[in-house]
Amino acid sequence: FTECTSSVVQALAAFRKVYPDYRKEDIEICIA
């Protein structure tokens, strides 16, 4: 499921740029 995982990480990274303070720690953990 590499393609799916990559898409999710890209989406989270894009989301983080728009909403940098929203659930910051959760997103960091998910991307890491």
N, C-alpha and C. Protein backbone atom coordinates (compact mmCIF):
# COMPACT_ATOMS: atom_id res chain seq x y z
N PHE A 1 0.83 -1.20 0.00
CA PHE A 1 0.00 0.00 0.00
C PHE A 1 0.87 1.26 0.00
N THR A 2 2.01 1.19 -0.63
CA THR A 2 2.93 2.32 -0.64
C THR A 2 2.31 3.57 -1.25
N GLU A 3 1.59 3.39 -2.36
CA GLU A 3 0.99 4.55 -3.03
C GLU A 3 0.01 5.26 -2.11
N CYS A 4 -0.80 4.49 -1.41
CA CYS A 4 -1.80 5.06 -0.50
C CYS A 4 -1.11 5.81 0.64
N THR A 5 -0.10 5.21 1.21
CA THR A 5 0.61 5.84 2.32
C THR A 5 1.24 7.15 1.88
N SER A 6 1.84 7.14 0.70
CA SER A 6 2.46 8.35 0.17
C SER A 6 1.43 9.45 -0.03
N SER A 7 0.27 9.09 -0.54
CA SER A 7 -0.80 10.08 -0.77
C SER A 7 -1.27 10.68 0.55
N VAL A 8 -1.40 9.85 1.56
CA VAL A 8 -1.85 10.34 2.87
C VAL A 8 -0.82 11.30 3.45
N VAL A 9 0.44 10.95 3.37
CA VAL A 9 1.49 11.82 3.91
C VAL A 9 1.51 13.15 3.15
N GLN A 10 1.36 13.10 1.83
CA GLN A 10 1.34 14.33 1.04
C GLN A 10 0.14 15.19 1.41
N ALA A 11 -1.01 14.56 1.60
CA ALA A 11 -2.21 15.30 1.97
C ALA A 11 -2.05 15.94 3.35
N LEU A 12 -1.49 15.20 4.29
CA LEU A 12 -1.28 15.75 5.63
C LEU A 12 -0.29 16.91 5.60
N ALA A 13 0.74 16.79 4.78
CA ALA A 13 1.72 17.87 4.67
C ALA A 13 1.07 19.12 4.09
N ALA A 14 0.22 18.94 3.08
CA ALA A 14 -0.48 20.08 2.48
C ALA A 14 -1.45 20.69 3.49
N PHE A 15 -2.16 19.85 4.22
CA PHE A 15 -3.10 20.32 5.24
C PHE A 15 -2.37 21.12 6.31
N ARG A 16 -1.20 20.62 6.68
CA ARG A 16 -0.42 21.28 7.74
C ARG A 16 0.01 22.69 7.32
N LYS A 17 0.25 22.89 6.01
CA LYS A 17 0.62 24.23 5.53
C LYS A 17 -0.55 25.20 5.67
N VAL A 18 -1.76 24.71 5.44
CA VAL A 18 -2.94 25.57 5.51
C VAL A 18 -3.39 25.79 6.96
N TYR A 19 -3.32 24.73 7.75
CA TYR A 19 -3.75 24.79 9.16
C TYR A 19 -2.59 24.34 10.06
N PRO A 20 -1.58 25.18 10.22
CA PRO A 20 -0.37 24.74 10.94
C PRO A 20 -0.58 24.40 12.41
N ASP A 21 -1.62 24.93 13.03
CA ASP A 21 -1.80 24.69 14.47
C ASP A 21 -2.84 23.63 14.79
N TYR A 22 -3.53 23.12 13.77
CA TYR A 22 -4.60 22.15 14.02
C TYR A 22 -4.03 20.76 14.27
N ARG A 23 -4.20 20.25 15.47
CA ARG A 23 -3.73 18.91 15.87
C ARG A 23 -2.29 18.67 15.41
N LYS A 24 -1.46 19.64 15.69
CA LYS A 24 -0.08 19.63 15.21
C LYS A 24 0.67 18.36 15.62
N GLU A 25 0.56 17.99 16.89
CA GLU A 25 1.29 16.81 17.37
C GLU A 25 0.80 15.53 16.69
N ASP A 26 -0.51 15.40 16.53
CA ASP A 26 -1.06 14.20 15.89
C ASP A 26 -0.56 14.06 14.46
N ILE A 27 -0.54 15.17 13.74
CA ILE A 27 -0.09 15.13 12.35
C ILE A 27 1.40 14.81 12.28
N GLU A 28 2.18 15.42 13.18
CA GLU A 28 3.62 15.14 13.20
C GLU A 28 3.88 13.65 13.45
N ILE A 29 3.16 13.06 14.38
CA ILE A 29 3.33 11.64 14.70
C ILE A 29 2.96 10.78 13.50
N CYS A 30 1.89 11.15 12.84
CA CYS A 30 1.41 10.37 11.69
C CYS A 30 2.39 10.43 10.53
N ILE A 31 2.96 11.60 10.28
CA ILE A 31 3.89 11.75 9.16
C ILE A 31 5.24 11.09 9.47
N ALA A 32 5.68 11.17 10.71
CA ALA A 32 7.01 10.66 11.08
C ALA A 32 7.14 9.15 10.94
